[in-house]
């Protein structure tokens, strides 16, 4: 088989070739996130608050699916770089098996814990009702999102990011089209409110998963998915989670952070929780394209690590960092110059707009620092050092951000709470730099020597 483009194409061109389709699909996904909340906000501020409070469990679901696929992606891309096609095939099939088990877990969670989850955050009956309508559907029908995760990452692992763009874009467009129809009741469909938003979400995810599976079976010749006679490979699953668990924990910490932040903010008002939810939707429009850039970067780094090509690895990381920083600067400009316009998209009340303008302007200042941390964290993941990203995330969100937010809340004004985000990001940059030096000295610099040949030892 001829050399994969990840090993021969000029790095700048390759990263754009791999990442632009992913970034485009992530932009569509971010647009969906925003449009979804805009429609829900028209139902009422309590509906928007309920959807915002659902974020921790949704994040937990995304953490498990995405983190598992980090392990799948790194091992599969490295196997292709080493021309070990049998190992690549086994990784793909075991990854599909793990994604199905993840769905079964969240099916149980969706049937049992949604109501107590909401009651632990608020006693408002309307918010609880909206939340149960929304979150129960999203969790119990999560087979779509888990299927989408694994089949899209298999395409990404072999460099077929254009096909991933098609699947993600199709799912997001379906969500956007169905949202107003199901929420407000058009074309003879009964109005379902926030329940309609959840149904639109899972339909879009299931369609995307079907498309991604189809492309893997018909357009991905480097991977052969054979389900007949399949038996789980315990050793391989262990390697997937050795890389993936730190990423799962890292992302799950975000779920814990949002849950505790909601508890802190609800002490001021439900409007503060709504502002926090709107911030996450808006920042997704900036951060998700960068995650798309990372999704293109990780298989390139992993492939060239397997092939022993250090210079290509480092060029990929540097170019990704520059590009991510440029995108973050655009985000800072939007948050600083037009925060009132952004909040107006969500039908914000005068109180919500006044609070939100201050929040966006304070939080936005840390975006360029976050670019360096995010891209370098993806470098760690590609090299099998997800544990560094995990430790960094724990320090930033649990050790620094939450205590800072709580202490600042004691001053008596919610405006001070928002400063916890820039404070935490500065600490994260320092920790990232320390781990980068360790990674460079111990893994990247010796590349090409016999030591680097054993992925499990790194």
Protein backbone atom coordinates (compact mmCIF):
# COMPACT_ATOMS: atom_id res chain seq x y z
CA UNK A 1 0.00 0.00 0.00
CA UNK A 2 1.32 3.45 -0.92
CA UNK A 3 2.33 5.94 1.78
CA UNK A 4 -0.59 7.73 3.45
CA UNK A 5 -0.70 11.47 2.79
CA UNK A 6 -0.04 12.10 6.52
CA UNK A 7 3.54 10.95 5.95
CA UNK A 8 4.41 12.78 2.72
CA UNK A 9 2.27 15.88 2.08
CA UNK A 10 3.83 19.27 3.06
CA UNK A 11 2.86 19.91 6.68
CA UNK A 12 1.07 23.26 6.30
CA UNK A 13 -0.94 21.97 3.37
CA UNK A 14 -1.61 18.68 5.14
CA UNK A 15 -2.89 20.30 8.34
CA UNK A 16 -5.25 22.51 6.36
CA UNK A 17 -6.29 19.55 4.20
CA UNK A 18 -7.05 17.51 7.33
CA UNK A 19 -8.44 20.28 9.53
CA UNK A 20 -10.49 22.60 7.32
CA UNK A 21 -13.25 20.06 6.70
CA UNK A 22 -13.30 19.31 10.45
CA UNK A 23 -13.35 23.02 11.30
CA UNK A 24 -16.16 23.66 8.83
CA UNK A 25 -18.25 20.87 10.33
CA UNK A 26 -17.47 22.13 13.84
CA UNK A 27 -18.61 25.62 12.82
CA UNK A 28 -21.90 24.15 11.66
CA UNK A 29 -22.11 22.26 14.96
CA UNK A 30 -21.39 25.47 16.89
CA UNK A 31 -24.02 27.28 14.87
CA UNK A 32 -26.47 24.55 15.79
CA UNK A 33 -25.59 24.92 19.49
CA UNK A 34 -26.33 28.63 19.32
CA UNK A 35 -29.48 28.33 17.21
CA UNK A 36 -30.79 25.59 19.50
CA UNK A 37 -30.46 27.87 22.53
CA UNK A 38 -31.92 30.83 20.65
CA UNK A 39 -35.07 28.83 19.96
CA UNK A 40 -35.24 27.48 23.51
CA UNK A 41 -34.85 31.03 24.87
CA UNK A 42 -38.03 31.97 23.00
CA UNK A 43 -39.88 29.43 25.16
CA UNK A 44 -38.74 31.33 28.27
CA UNK A 45 -35.73 32.14 30.44
CA UNK A 46 -36.50 29.18 32.69
CA UNK A 47 -36.37 26.89 29.66
CA UNK A 48 -32.95 28.31 28.77
CA UNK A 49 -31.82 27.85 32.37
CA UNK A 50 -33.01 24.21 32.35
CA UNK A 51 -31.06 23.45 29.18
CA UNK A 52 -28.01 25.19 30.66
CA UNK A 53 -28.28 23.02 33.78
CA UNK A 54 -28.31 19.91 31.59
CA UNK A 55 -24.80 20.71 30.43
CA UNK A 56 -22.90 18.69 33.10
CA UNK A 57 -24.52 15.36 32.18
CA UNK A 58 -24.28 16.12 28.47
CA UNK A 59 -20.62 16.94 28.97
CA UNK A 60 -20.12 13.66 30.82
CA UNK A 61 -21.61 11.79 27.86
CA UNK A 62 -19.41 13.68 25.38
CA UNK A 63 -16.40 13.09 27.64
CA UNK A 64 -16.82 9.33 27.57
CA UNK A 65 -17.41 9.17 23.82
CA UNK A 66 -14.74 11.69 22.89
CA UNK A 67 -12.14 10.42 25.36
CA UNK A 68 -12.53 6.82 24.21
CA UNK A 69 -12.09 7.98 20.63
CA UNK A 70 -8.88 9.82 21.57
CA UNK A 71 -7.42 6.42 22.45
CA UNK A 72 -8.84 4.82 19.32
CA UNK A 73 -7.54 7.64 17.13
CA UNK A 74 -4.00 7.65 18.55
CA UNK A 75 -3.53 3.86 18.41
CA UNK A 76 -5.10 3.44 14.98
CA UNK A 77 -3.16 6.30 13.36
CA UNK A 78 0.08 5.07 14.88
CA UNK A 79 -0.62 1.53 13.64
CA UNK A 80 -1.11 2.88 10.12
CA UNK A 81 2.17 4.80 10.42
CA UNK A 82 3.89 1.53 11.35
CA UNK A 83 2.06 -0.30 8.53
CA UNK A 84 0.42 -2.63 11.08
CA UNK A 85 -2.94 -2.89 9.30
CA UNK A 86 -4.19 -5.85 11.33
CA UNK A 87 -3.82 -3.84 14.54
CA UNK A 88 -5.62 -0.91 12.90
CA UNK A 89 -8.58 -3.15 12.00
CA UNK A 90 -8.77 -4.63 15.51
CA UNK A 91 -8.67 -1.13 17.03
CA UNK A 92 -11.60 -0.04 14.88
CA UNK A 93 -13.84 -3.00 15.78
CA UNK A 94 -13.04 -2.84 19.49
CA UNK A 95 -13.74 0.90 19.40
CA UNK A 96 -17.22 0.27 17.97
CA UNK A 97 -17.85 -2.26 20.75
CA UNK A 98 -16.80 0.25 23.44
CA UNK A 99 -19.07 2.93 21.99
CA UNK A 100 -22.07 0.59 22.22
CA UNK A 101 -21.27 -0.14 25.87
CA UNK A 102 -21.11 3.62 26.50
CA UNK A 103 -24.61 4.02 25.05
CA UNK A 104 -25.96 1.32 27.37
CA UNK A 105 -24.49 3.16 30.37
CA UNK A 106 -26.19 6.43 29.50
CA UNK A 107 -29.45 4.68 28.69
CA UNK A 108 -29.50 3.61 32.34
CA UNK A 109 -28.49 7.09 33.54
CA UNK A 110 -31.22 8.70 31.45
CA UNK A 111 -33.85 6.42 33.00
CA UNK A 112 -32.79 6.87 36.63
CA UNK A 113 -30.94 10.04 37.64
CA UNK A 114 -32.31 12.99 35.64
CA UNK A 115 -34.90 14.14 38.18
CA UNK A 116 -32.60 13.94 41.26
CA UNK A 117 -29.89 15.63 39.20
CA UNK A 118 -32.12 18.67 38.62
CA UNK A 119 -33.49 18.71 42.16
CA UNK A 120 -29.93 18.90 43.48
CA UNK A 121 -29.53 22.23 41.63
CA UNK A 122 -32.89 23.99 42.02
CA UNK A 123 -36.31 23.76 43.64
CA UNK A 124 -38.06 25.65 40.81
CA UNK A 125 -40.71 23.21 39.52
CA UNK A 126 -40.84 24.77 36.05
CA UNK A 127 -37.07 24.49 35.53
CA UNK A 128 -37.13 20.88 36.77
CA UNK A 129 -39.97 20.03 34.40
CA UNK A 130 -38.25 21.57 31.40
CA UNK A 131 -35.02 19.84 32.32
CA UNK A 132 -36.54 16.39 32.65
CA UNK A 133 -38.27 16.76 29.27
CA UNK A 134 -35.00 17.71 27.60
CA UNK A 135 -32.30 15.64 29.27
CA UNK A 136 -34.17 12.32 29.51
CA UNK A 137 -34.54 12.19 25.74
CA UNK A 138 -30.95 13.26 25.02
CA UNK A 139 -29.48 10.57 27.30
CA UNK A 140 -31.76 7.60 26.56
CA UNK A 141 -31.33 8.02 22.80
CA UNK A 142 -27.58 8.64 22.97
CA UNK A 143 -26.79 5.77 20.59
CA UNK A 144 -26.65 8.39 17.84
CA UNK A 145 -23.95 10.52 19.42
CA UNK A 146 -21.81 7.53 20.42
CA UNK A 147 -22.12 6.02 16.96
CA UNK A 148 -21.28 9.38 15.43
CA UNK A 149 -18.20 9.71 17.65
CA UNK A 150 -16.62 6.36 16.79
CA UNK A 151 -17.38 6.19 13.07
CA UNK A 152 -16.31 9.78 12.46
CA UNK A 153 -13.05 9.26 14.34
CA UNK A 154 -12.29 6.19 12.23
CA UNK A 155 -12.57 8.39 9.16
CA UNK A 156 -10.37 11.04 10.79
CA UNK A 157 -7.74 8.48 11.78
CA UNK A 158 -7.12 7.64 8.13
CA UNK A 159 -7.13 11.26 6.94
CA UNK A 160 -10.66 11.29 5.46
CA UNK A 161 -11.80 14.44 7.21
CA UNK A 162 -13.86 15.64 4.25
CA UNK A 163 -16.22 12.72 4.80
CA UNK A 164 -16.38 13.62 8.50
CA UNK A 165 -17.36 17.14 7.50
CA UNK A 166 -20.25 15.72 5.49
CA UNK A 167 -21.54 13.58 8.36
CA UNK A 168 -21.22 16.26 11.05
CA UNK A 169 -22.63 18.95 8.78
CA UNK A 170 -25.59 16.80 7.78
CA UNK A 171 -26.48 16.04 11.39
CA UNK A 172 -26.20 19.67 12.46
CA UNK A 173 -28.27 20.97 9.52
CA UNK A 174 -31.01 18.45 10.29
CA UNK A 175 -30.99 19.67 13.91
CA UNK A 176 -31.29 23.30 12.82
CA UNK A 177 -34.17 22.55 10.44
CA UNK A 178 -36.11 20.40 12.92
CA UNK A 179 -35.65 22.71 15.94
CA UNK A 180 -38.28 25.36 15.11
CA UNK A 181 -40.62 22.76 13.61
CA UNK A 182 -40.67 20.59 16.73
CA UNK A 183 -40.30 23.34 19.37
CA UNK A 184 -43.02 25.69 18.06
CA UNK A 185 -45.14 23.28 16.00
CA UNK A 186 -45.03 24.05 12.28
CA UNK A 187 -46.40 22.11 9.28
CA UNK A 188 -49.01 20.36 11.38
CA UNK A 189 -46.54 19.09 13.97
CA UNK A 190 -47.67 19.74 17.57
CA UNK A 191 -45.57 22.25 19.54
CA UNK A 192 -43.31 20.32 21.93
CA UNK A 193 -41.22 23.06 23.55
CA UNK A 194 -37.87 21.93 24.97
CA UNK A 195 -38.85 18.31 24.35
CA UNK A 196 -38.87 19.15 20.63
CA UNK A 197 -35.34 20.54 20.90
CA UNK A 198 -34.17 17.24 22.39
CA UNK A 199 -35.89 15.15 19.71
CA UNK A 200 -34.34 17.29 16.96
CA UNK A 201 -30.92 16.75 18.56
CA UNK A 202 -31.09 12.95 18.71
CA UNK A 203 -32.52 12.65 15.18
CA UNK A 204 -29.60 14.69 13.81
CA UNK A 205 -27.09 12.58 15.74
CA UNK A 206 -28.57 9.28 14.54
CA UNK A 207 -28.58 10.39 10.90
CA UNK A 208 -24.95 11.52 11.19
CA UNK A 209 -23.98 8.18 12.75
CA UNK A 210 -25.60 6.23 9.90
CA UNK A 211 -23.80 8.34 7.30
CA UNK A 212 -20.45 7.92 9.08
CA UNK A 213 -20.90 4.14 9.33
CA UNK A 214 -21.78 3.95 5.64
CA UNK A 215 -18.66 5.90 4.66
CA UNK A 216 -16.46 3.61 6.74
CA UNK A 217 -17.80 0.51 5.05
CA UNK A 218 -17.65 1.96 1.53
CA UNK A 219 -15.02 4.74 1.40
CA UNK A 220 -12.35 3.81 3.95
CA UNK A 221 -10.18 1.04 2.43
CA UNK A 222 -7.41 1.30 5.05
CA UNK A 223 -9.77 -0.07 7.72
CA UNK A 224 -11.70 -3.34 7.39
CA UNK A 225 -14.56 -3.59 9.88
CA UNK A 226 -15.41 -7.25 10.41
CA UNK A 227 -18.05 -7.78 13.09
CA UNK A 228 -18.68 -11.49 12.44
CA UNK A 229 -16.96 -13.62 15.06
CA UNK A 230 -15.84 -10.56 17.00
CA UNK A 231 -14.44 -11.05 20.48
CA UNK A 232 -13.28 -8.12 22.64
CA UNK A 233 -9.49 -7.82 22.83
CA UNK A 234 -8.78 -7.05 26.48
CA UNK A 235 -5.19 -5.98 25.90
CA UNK A 236 -6.11 -3.62 23.09
CA UNK A 237 -9.05 -2.18 25.03
CA UNK A 238 -6.64 -1.60 27.89
CA UNK A 239 -4.35 0.36 25.56
CA UNK A 240 -7.28 2.40 24.24
CA UNK A 241 -8.26 3.39 27.76
CA UNK A 242 -4.67 3.90 28.87
CA UNK A 243 -4.65 6.81 26.43
CA UNK A 244 -8.36 7.62 26.56
CA UNK A 245 -9.11 7.59 30.31
CA UNK A 246 -7.03 10.68 31.06
CA UNK A 247 -8.95 12.48 28.30
CA UNK A 248 -12.26 11.16 29.67
CA UNK A 249 -11.37 12.37 33.16
CA UNK A 250 -10.11 15.66 31.78
CA UNK A 251 -13.37 16.37 29.97
CA UNK A 252 -15.52 14.98 32.78
CA UNK A 253 -13.93 17.46 35.14
CA UNK A 254 -15.55 20.10 32.99
CA UNK A 255 -18.89 18.51 33.85
CA UNK A 256 -18.10 18.74 37.57
CA UNK A 257 -16.92 22.32 37.12
CA UNK A 258 -20.13 23.41 35.38
CA UNK A 259 -22.28 21.67 38.00
CA UNK A 260 -20.51 23.46 40.88
CA UNK A 261 -20.46 26.77 39.01
CA UNK A 262 -24.21 26.49 38.50
CA UNK A 263 -24.58 25.92 42.25
CA UNK A 264 -22.49 29.03 42.96
CA UNK A 265 -24.30 31.17 40.40
CA UNK A 266 -27.83 30.11 41.39
CA UNK A 267 -27.02 31.72 44.74
CA UNK A 268 -27.14 35.04 42.93
CA UNK A 269 -30.06 34.33 40.55
CA UNK A 270 -31.30 31.97 37.86
CA UNK A 271 -30.34 34.72 35.41
CA UNK A 272 -26.67 34.21 36.35
CA UNK A 273 -27.00 30.52 35.41
CA UNK A 274 -28.60 31.50 32.10
CA UNK A 275 -25.73 33.91 31.39
CA UNK A 276 -23.22 31.15 32.12
CA UNK A 277 -25.09 28.84 29.73
CA UNK A 278 -25.15 31.50 27.00
CA UNK A 279 -21.39 32.02 27.45
CA UNK A 280 -20.77 28.32 26.82
CA UNK A 281 -22.90 28.40 23.68
CA UNK A 282 -21.12 31.49 22.35
CA UNK A 283 -17.62 30.30 23.15
CA UNK A 284 -18.37 27.04 21.34
CA UNK A 285 -18.45 29.08 18.12
CA UNK A 286 -14.80 29.95 18.79
CA UNK A 287 -13.54 26.81 20.53
CA UNK A 288 -15.21 24.11 18.42
CA UNK A 289 -13.36 25.09 15.21
CA UNK A 290 -10.12 24.87 17.20
CA UNK A 291 -11.14 21.41 18.38
CA UNK A 292 -11.70 20.63 14.69
CA UNK A 293 -8.15 21.83 14.05
CA UNK A 294 -6.96 19.51 16.82
CA UNK A 295 -8.91 16.58 15.39
CA UNK A 296 -6.94 17.08 12.18
CA UNK A 297 -3.67 17.55 14.05
CA UNK A 298 -3.78 14.46 16.32
CA UNK A 299 -3.67 11.76 13.61
CA UNK A 300 -0.90 13.65 11.77
CA UNK A 301 1.26 13.78 14.90
CA UNK A 302 0.47 10.17 15.83
CA UNK A 303 1.15 8.90 12.31
CA UNK A 304 4.49 10.69 12.04
CA UNK A 305 5.42 9.59 15.54
CA UNK A 306 4.90 6.01 14.40
CA UNK A 307 6.95 6.74 11.28
CA UNK A 308 9.75 8.40 13.31
CA UNK A 309 9.42 11.82 11.62
CA UNK A 310 10.10 14.36 14.39
CA UNK A 311 10.34 17.46 12.19
CA UNK A 312 6.91 16.89 10.67
CA UNK A 313 5.42 16.44 14.14
CA UNK A 314 6.81 19.73 15.45
CA UNK A 315 5.87 21.69 12.34
CA UNK A 316 2.31 20.43 12.71
CA UNK A 317 2.15 21.55 16.35
CA UNK A 318 3.62 25.00 15.66
CA UNK A 319 1.36 25.74 12.73
CA UNK A 320 -1.72 24.58 14.67
CA UNK A 321 -0.78 26.86 17.58
CA UNK A 322 -0.41 29.92 15.31
CA UNK A 323 -3.72 29.24 13.58
CA UNK A 324 -5.57 28.62 16.86
CA UNK A 325 -4.23 31.86 18.36
CA UNK A 326 -5.45 33.84 15.35
CA UNK A 327 -8.94 32.39 15.76
CA UNK A 328 -8.94 33.16 19.48
CA UNK A 329 -8.04 36.79 18.81
CA UNK A 330 -11.14 37.06 16.63
CA UNK A 331 -13.14 35.66 19.54
CA UNK A 332 -11.70 38.19 21.97
CA UNK A 333 -12.66 41.02 19.60
CA UNK A 334 -16.26 39.80 19.42
CA UNK A 335 -16.59 39.38 23.20
CA UNK A 336 -15.07 42.79 23.92
CA UNK A 337 -16.70 44.88 21.18
CA UNK A 338 -20.21 43.48 20.66
CA UNK A 339 -21.23 41.50 23.79
CA UNK A 340 -24.64 43.20 23.85
CA UNK A 341 -25.34 42.11 20.29
CA UNK A 342 -24.36 38.53 21.09
CA UNK A 343 -26.63 38.42 24.14
CA UNK A 344 -29.47 39.94 22.15
CA UNK A 345 -29.53 36.80 20.03
CA UNK A 346 -30.89 34.94 23.06
CA UNK A 347 -33.76 37.35 23.73
CA UNK A 348 -31.93 38.51 26.86
CA UNK A 349 -33.80 40.62 29.39
CA UNK A 350 -32.30 43.92 30.53
CA UNK A 351 -31.01 42.24 33.69
CA UNK A 352 -29.50 39.36 31.76
CA UNK A 353 -27.91 41.69 29.23
CA UNK A 354 -26.35 43.93 31.89
CA UNK A 355 -24.89 40.92 33.70
CA UNK A 356 -23.85 39.17 30.51
CA UNK A 357 -21.94 42.08 28.95
CA UNK A 358 -19.65 42.23 31.97
CA UNK A 359 -19.25 38.43 32.03
CA UNK A 360 -18.30 38.11 28.37
CA UNK A 361 -15.78 40.94 28.49
CA UNK A 362 -14.04 39.49 31.55
CA UNK A 363 -14.00 35.87 30.46
CA UNK A 364 -12.94 36.62 26.88
CA UNK A 365 -9.51 37.95 27.81
CA UNK A 366 -8.14 34.43 28.41
CA UNK A 367 -8.89 33.05 24.94
CA UNK A 368 -5.39 33.49 23.36
CA UNK A 369 -3.79 31.74 26.34
CA UNK A 370 -6.30 28.91 25.96
CA UNK A 371 -5.19 28.42 22.33
CA UNK A 372 -1.69 27.39 23.45
CA UNK A 373 -3.04 25.09 26.17
CA UNK A 374 -5.56 23.36 23.90
CA UNK A 375 -3.18 22.71 20.99
CA UNK A 376 -0.35 21.53 23.22
CA UNK A 377 -2.74 19.29 25.14
CA UNK A 378 -3.66 17.64 21.84
CA UNK A 379 0.04 17.05 21.20
CA UNK A 380 0.20 15.17 24.53
CA UNK A 381 -2.78 13.04 23.51
CA UNK A 382 -1.30 12.17 20.12
CA UNK A 383 1.89 10.96 21.83
CA UNK A 384 0.07 8.81 24.37
CA UNK A 385 0.57 11.31 27.22
CA UNK A 386 -3.06 12.22 27.86
CA UNK A 387 -2.30 12.01 31.57
CA UNK A 388 -0.53 15.38 31.31
CA UNK A 389 -3.67 16.98 29.92
CA UNK A 390 -5.70 15.29 32.65
CA UNK A 391 -3.49 16.62 35.46
CA UNK A 392 -3.56 20.08 33.91
CA UNK A 393 -7.34 20.04 33.62
CA UNK A 394 -7.78 18.93 37.24
CA UNK A 395 -5.51 21.74 38.42
CA UNK A 396 -7.19 24.37 36.27
CA UNK A 397 -10.85 23.56 36.88
CA UNK A 398 -10.94 21.93 40.32
CA UNK A 399 -7.85 23.19 42.15
CA UNK A 400 -7.94 26.78 40.85
CA UNK A 401 -11.15 27.79 39.04
CA UNK A 402 -13.78 26.48 41.47
CA UNK A 403 -12.07 27.72 44.66
CA UNK A 404 -11.39 31.07 42.99
CA UNK A 405 -15.02 31.38 41.88
CA UNK A 406 -16.28 30.52 45.36
CA UNK A 407 -13.95 32.96 47.12
CA UNK A 408 -14.77 35.72 44.64
CA UNK A 409 -18.49 35.07 45.12
CA UNK A 410 -18.10 35.90 48.82
CA UNK A 411 -17.38 39.51 47.85
CA UNK A 412 -21.08 39.77 47.09
CA UNK A 413 -21.17 40.56 43.37
CA UNK A 414 -21.46 38.03 40.55
CA UNK A 415 -19.19 40.22 38.43
CA UNK A 416 -16.17 39.09 40.43
CA UNK A 417 -16.92 35.40 39.85
CA UNK A 418 -16.13 35.68 36.13
CA UNK A 419 -12.49 36.55 36.88
CA UNK A 420 -11.92 32.97 37.99
CA UNK A 421 -11.65 31.93 34.32
CA UNK A 422 -8.63 34.10 33.37
CA UNK A 423 -6.96 33.26 36.69
CA UNK A 424 -7.31 29.52 36.02
CA UNK A 425 -6.09 29.79 32.43
CA UNK A 426 -2.85 31.51 33.45
CA UNK A 427 -2.12 28.63 35.82
CA UNK A 428 -2.96 26.17 33.04
CA UNK A 429 -0.45 27.79 30.68
CA UNK A 430 2.31 27.43 33.26
CA UNK A 431 1.52 23.74 33.83
CA UNK A 432 1.25 23.10 30.08
CA UNK A 433 4.71 24.57 29.52
CA UNK A 434 6.20 22.34 32.21
CA UNK A 435 4.64 19.19 30.72
CA UNK A 436 5.65 20.22 27.21
CA UNK A 437 9.30 20.40 28.25
CA UNK A 438 9.08 16.92 29.78
CA UNK A 439 7.41 15.55 26.66
CA UNK A 440 9.95 17.13 24.34
CA UNK A 441 12.96 15.95 26.31
CA UNK A 442 11.73 12.40 26.95
CA UNK A 443 9.70 11.53 23.84
CA UNK A 444 10.15 13.96 20.95
CA UNK A 445 13.90 14.64 21.15
CA UNK A 446 14.92 10.93 21.26
CA UNK A 447 12.62 10.15 18.31
CA UNK A 448 14.31 7.87 15.79
CA UNK A 449 16.18 5.86 18.44
CA UNK A 450 15.11 2.30 19.37
CA UNK A 451 13.36 3.66 22.47
CA UNK A 452 10.54 5.27 20.56
CA UNK A 453 9.50 2.06 18.87
CA UNK A 454 7.39 0.81 21.79
CA UNK A 455 4.27 2.90 22.08
CA UNK A 456 3.29 1.36 25.40
CA UNK A 457 6.47 2.50 27.10
CA UNK A 458 6.04 6.21 26.29
